[in-house]
Each structure stands twice: as C-alpha cells, then as structure tokens.
Amino acid sequence: MELFIAFATDDGDTFNDDHFGMARFFHIYKFSRGGEEFIETRKNARYQEDETIRHGDPEKAQAVSSVLKDIDVIVGRKMGPNIFRLLKKYVCVVNKTAFIHDAIVQVHENMKKIMEEKEKGEDRKHIVLRP
C-alpha cells in the first residue's frame, strides 16, 4: 500500500488558515506501511493574494487538481465549497491540528479509514480528524 498525500501550507510547518485551495504550497509525502517520506513542495498554481477569487470557483478547483494530478489524498484545516469537486479525485481529510507533523501522525493512525474512503471512488465522503 502506497499513498501520495498533499498537505496545504503557507510556511512548510503549519497548515494555512484558509481553505485547502488557498494555500501557497502543497507538501507532498509518500506514505507506506514503513512510514512516510517527504517528496517535494509544489507551488499552488492558482494562489494569489487577490480578493476577487471566489471560494468555490470551478477554475480554482481545476488549477489545484492540475498541480496535484498524481495525489491520492489531500489534507488541510479547512475545505471550501469545491470539496464536492475534489472528492471525485481525492480523499479529502480535514485535520484540526495546526502542525503538519501532528497531522502526519493522525494520518498514520487513520490509514484504514482513509483507504476505505479511497476505495469508494467518486462516492467517497470527507474525513475529519481531531486531536
């Protein structure tokens, strides 16, 4: 079992405070039974400090998906109205911790639940993980 997981961040250590798609960067990790490995940081192609971008904009969801085309799971503190579009491609995990390293632990602890949602395909639901 191997999953590629994207974490939404502005600074590399903590989650951004806005919706997943508004993060400046995505930290990509490969998770497997043996643990996790940091792969790379990807810049959010649609990120702008522009107040005219609407939450739920279909073009924003498409731009985020193009940056994350090889990803299985996305993790952020908040998901916006585009979650219904994103669920067709990803397992969407809302994590209520501030730090990415804490979320990594929670992902490992909930891997069975994440895999069950992944197997549902487009019928999947989002998962909320709390500390």
Protein backbone atom coordinates (compact mmCIF):
# COMPACT_ATOMS: atom_id res chain seq x y z
CA MET A 1 0.00 0.00 0.00
CA GLU A 2 1.32 3.38 -1.03
CA LEU A 3 -0.44 6.74 -0.96
CA PHE A 4 0.68 10.15 -2.10
CA ILE A 5 -0.67 12.82 0.21
CA ALA A 6 -0.66 16.63 -0.14
CA PHE A 7 -0.71 18.92 2.91
CA ALA A 8 -1.79 22.58 2.45
CA THR A 9 0.71 25.06 3.89
CA ASP A 10 1.98 28.61 3.60
CA ASP A 11 5.15 28.15 5.64
CA GLY A 12 6.05 24.44 5.47
CA ASP A 13 5.39 23.70 9.14
CA THR A 14 1.78 24.63 9.78
CA PHE A 15 -1.44 24.40 7.81
CA ASN A 16 -2.66 27.53 6.09
CA ASP A 17 -5.59 29.25 7.81
CA ASP A 18 -7.85 29.32 4.76
CA HIS A 19 -9.40 26.67 2.51
CA PHE A 20 -7.13 23.97 1.10
CA GLY A 21 -7.05 25.55 -2.36
CA MET A 22 -5.87 28.90 -0.98
CA ALA A 23 -2.56 27.53 0.34
CA ARG A 24 0.62 28.91 -1.19
CA PHE A 25 2.23 25.46 -1.26
CA PHE A 26 1.48 21.77 -1.01
CA HIS A 27 3.93 19.49 0.80
CA ILE A 28 3.85 16.09 -0.85
CA TYR A 29 4.57 12.92 1.12
CA LYS A 30 4.61 9.26 0.14
CA PHE A 31 3.00 7.12 2.84
CA SER A 32 3.58 3.38 3.03
CA ARG A 33 3.48 0.72 5.70
CA GLY A 34 7.02 1.59 6.69
CA GLY A 35 6.27 5.25 7.37
CA GLU A 36 6.29 8.39 5.29
CA GLU A 37 8.80 10.15 3.08
CA PHE A 38 8.79 13.82 2.14
CA ILE A 39 8.86 14.03 -1.66
CA GLU A 40 8.65 17.71 -2.61
CA THR A 41 7.00 21.09 -2.22
CA ARG A 42 4.69 22.20 -5.02
CA LYS A 43 3.62 25.77 -5.57
CA ASN A 44 -0.13 26.30 -5.83
CA ALA A 45 -0.61 27.46 -9.42
CA ARG A 46 -3.79 29.37 -8.55
CA TYR A 47 -2.60 31.01 -5.34
CA GLN A 48 -2.92 34.76 -5.45
CA GLU A 49 -3.46 37.37 -2.80
CA ASP A 50 -6.43 38.51 -4.86
CA GLU A 51 -9.73 39.16 -3.09
CA THR A 52 -11.62 38.69 -6.37
CA ILE A 53 -11.10 34.91 -6.34
CA ARG A 54 -14.33 33.35 -5.15
CA HIS A 55 -14.37 30.35 -2.88
CA GLY A 56 -15.86 27.50 -4.86
CA ASP A 57 -14.61 28.80 -8.21
CA PRO A 58 -14.53 25.76 -10.56
CA GLU A 59 -11.41 27.11 -12.29
CA LYS A 60 -9.61 27.18 -8.94
CA ALA A 61 -10.51 23.52 -8.30
CA GLN A 62 -9.25 22.63 -11.77
CA ALA A 63 -5.98 24.53 -11.23
CA VAL A 64 -5.38 22.84 -7.86
CA SER A 65 -6.15 19.44 -9.41
CA SER A 66 -3.62 20.05 -12.19
CA VAL A 67 -0.87 20.63 -9.61
CA LEU A 68 -1.96 17.52 -7.67
CA LYS A 69 -2.78 15.15 -10.54
CA ASP A 70 -0.78 12.23 -9.07
CA ILE A 71 -2.04 12.65 -5.49
CA ASP A 72 -4.42 10.29 -3.65
CA VAL A 73 -5.27 12.28 -0.50
CA ILE A 74 -5.40 15.99 0.33
CA VAL A 75 -5.17 17.28 3.91
CA GLY A 76 -5.98 20.76 5.17
CA ARG A 77 -7.51 22.57 8.14
CA LYS A 78 -10.48 23.74 6.06
CA MET A 79 -12.14 22.70 2.83
CA GLY A 80 -14.23 25.12 0.83
CA PRO A 81 -17.21 24.69 -1.50
CA ASN A 82 -15.00 22.92 -4.05
CA ILE A 83 -14.83 19.88 -1.77
CA PHE A 84 -17.59 18.28 -3.85
CA ARG A 85 -15.44 18.54 -6.97
CA LEU A 86 -12.29 17.44 -5.16
CA LEU A 87 -13.93 14.36 -3.64
CA LYS A 88 -14.26 12.91 -7.15
CA LYS A 89 -10.46 12.75 -7.38
CA TYR A 90 -9.13 12.66 -3.82
CA VAL A 91 -9.81 11.52 -0.31
CA CYS A 92 -10.31 14.88 1.42
CA VAL A 93 -9.13 14.99 5.03
CA VAL A 94 -9.89 17.91 7.33
CA ASN A 95 -7.33 17.95 10.12
CA LYS A 96 -7.93 20.23 13.09
CA THR A 97 -4.30 20.36 14.27
CA ALA A 98 -2.06 23.32 13.49
CA PHE A 99 1.14 21.47 12.62
CA ILE A 100 1.76 19.20 9.64
CA HIS A 101 3.94 16.84 11.71
CA ASP A 102 0.94 16.22 14.04
CA ALA A 103 -1.31 15.58 11.03
CA ILE A 104 1.16 13.02 9.69
CA VAL A 105 0.77 11.04 12.92
CA GLN A 106 -3.03 11.25 12.64
CA VAL A 107 -2.97 10.10 9.02
CA HIS A 108 -0.97 7.02 10.03
CA GLU A 109 -3.43 6.33 12.87
CA ASN A 110 -6.41 6.60 10.50
CA MET A 111 -4.96 4.89 7.44
CA LYS A 112 -7.62 2.16 7.43
CA LYS A 113 -10.42 4.76 7.31
CA ILE A 114 -8.61 6.71 4.57
CA MET A 115 -8.13 3.58 2.47
CA GLU A 116 -11.82 2.66 2.87
CA GLU A 117 -12.84 6.08 1.51
CA LYS A 118 -10.32 5.84 -1.34
CA GLU A 119 -11.87 2.55 -2.45
CA LYS A 120 -15.32 4.18 -2.72
CA GLY A 121 -14.23 6.19 -5.76
CA GLU A 122 -16.47 9.14 -6.62
CA ASP A 123 -18.90 8.16 -3.83
CA ARG A 124 -16.38 8.96 -1.11
CA LYS A 125 -17.05 11.33 1.79
CA HIS A 126 -14.59 13.62 3.52
CA ILE A 127 -12.93 12.65 6.79
CA VAL A 128 -12.48 14.91 9.80
CA LEU A 129 -9.55 14.14 12.15
CA ARG A 130 -9.43 15.86 15.52
CA PRO A 131 -6.56 15.92 18.03
